[in-house]
C-alpha atoms as a PDB file:
ATOM      1  CA  UNK A   1      81.397 104.589 -28.634  1.00  0.00           C
ATOM      2  CA  UNK A   2      79.925 108.247 -27.959  1.00  0.00           C
ATOM      3  CA  UNK A   3      81.426 111.010 -27.626  1.00  0.00           C
ATOM      4  CA  UNK A   4      80.126 112.092 -24.369  1.00  0.00           C
ATOM      5  CA  UNK A   5      79.608 109.225 -22.093  1.00  0.00           C
ATOM      6  CA  UNK A   6      76.886 109.134 -19.101  1.00  0.00           C
ATOM      7  CA  UNK A   7      78.978 109.697 -15.654  1.00  0.00           C
ATOM      8  CA  UNK A   8      77.883 105.979 -14.429  1.00  0.00           C
ATOM      9  CA  UNK A   9      78.980 104.339 -17.743  1.00  0.00           C
ATOM     10  CA  UNK A  10      82.292 106.213 -17.400  1.00  0.00           C
ATOM     11  CA  UNK A  11      82.440 104.691 -14.186  1.00  0.00           C
ATOM     12  CA  UNK A  12      81.950 101.466 -15.013  1.00  0.00           C
ATOM     13  CA  UNK A  13      84.443 101.501 -17.687  1.00  0.00           C
ATOM     14  CA  UNK A  14      86.842 103.026 -15.239  1.00  0.00           C
ATOM     15  CA  UNK A  15      86.634 100.475 -12.741  1.00  0.00           C
ATOM     16  CA  UNK A  16      86.757  97.284 -15.537  1.00  0.00           C
ATOM     17  CA  UNK A  17      90.237  99.322 -16.302  1.00  0.00           C
ATOM     18  CA  UNK A  18      91.631  98.821 -13.283  1.00  0.00           C
ATOM     19  CA  UNK A  19      90.730  95.232 -12.792  1.00  0.00           C
ATOM     20  CA  UNK A  20      92.956  94.315 -15.672  1.00  0.00           C
ATOM     21  CA  UNK A  21      96.037  95.949 -14.228  1.00  0.00           C
ATOM     22  CA  UNK A  22      98.686  93.922 -12.791  1.00  0.00           C
ATOM     23  CA  UNK A  23      98.548  93.088  -9.389  1.00  0.00           C
ATOM     24  CA  UNK A  24     101.611  94.848  -7.280  1.00  0.00           C
ATOM     25  CA  UNK A  25     105.097  93.795  -7.453  1.00  0.00           C
ATOM     26  CA  UNK A  26     105.489  93.227  -3.541  1.00  0.00           C
ATOM     27  CA  UNK A  27     102.439  90.313  -3.995  1.00  0.00           C
ATOM     28  CA  UNK A  28     104.784  87.551  -5.850  1.00  0.00           C
ATOM     29  CA  UNK A  29     107.213  87.230  -2.624  1.00  0.00           C
ATOM     30  CA  UNK A  30     104.238  87.332  -0.269  1.00  0.00           C
ATOM     31  CA  UNK A  31     102.255  84.465  -2.392  1.00  0.00           C
ATOM     32  CA  UNK A  32     105.192  82.685  -3.825  1.00  0.00           C
ATOM     33  CA  UNK A  33     108.108  82.901  -1.508  1.00  0.00           C
ATOM     34  CA  UNK A  34     111.118  84.934  -2.058  1.00  0.00           C
ATOM     35  CA  UNK A  35     113.109  82.775  -4.749  1.00  0.00           C
ATOM     36  CA  UNK A  36     110.735  82.600  -7.328  1.00  0.00           C
ATOM     37  CA  UNK A  37     110.343  84.678  -9.887  1.00  0.00           C
ATOM     38  CA  UNK A  38     106.454  84.948 -11.358  1.00  0.00           C
ATOM     39  CA  UNK A  39     105.382  87.819 -13.014  1.00  0.00           C
ATOM     40  CA  UNK A  40     102.801  89.979 -11.457  1.00  0.00           C
ATOM     41  CA  UNK A  41      99.995  89.829 -13.951  1.00  0.00           C
ATOM     42  CA  UNK A  42      99.582  86.301 -13.436  1.00  0.00           C
ATOM     43  CA  UNK A  43      97.633  86.181 -10.054  1.00  0.00           C
ATOM     44  CA  UNK A  44      95.322  89.480 -11.230  1.00  0.00           C
ATOM     45  CA  UNK A  45      91.916  88.816 -10.009  1.00  0.00           C
ATOM     46  CA  UNK A  46      90.503  89.585 -13.501  1.00  0.00           C
ATOM     47  CA  UNK A  47      91.981  89.389 -16.679  1.00  0.00           C
ATOM     48  CA  UNK A  48      90.813  90.938 -19.671  1.00  0.00           C
ATOM     49  CA  UNK A  49      92.004  92.367 -23.104  1.00  0.00           C
ATOM     50  CA  UNK A  50      90.299  94.880 -25.083  1.00  0.00           C
ATOM     51  CA  UNK A  51      90.510  92.987 -27.847  1.00  0.00           C
ATOM     52  CA  UNK A  52      89.641  89.723 -26.502  1.00  0.00           C
ATOM     53  CA  UNK A  53      86.665  90.213 -24.352  1.00  0.00           C
ATOM     54  CA  UNK A  54      84.334  92.763 -24.562  1.00  0.00           C
ATOM     55  CA  UNK A  55      82.793  93.951 -21.761  1.00  0.00           C
ATOM     56  CA  UNK A  56      78.861  95.066 -21.187  1.00  0.00           C
ATOM     57  CA  UNK A  57      79.618  98.214 -19.566  1.00  0.00           C
END
């Protein structure tokens, strides 16, 4: 990738980076109930890894 990125591309990459983060921890009891122990990454909207799936950004 180029050393200097255009601002638009940089913004698109930043948005994709935010989408792959785990959901906040407090969403787990909100969705599943108090007793259930589930990883917060399980109900993240879009899961993507830099190794597995490439982006078109």
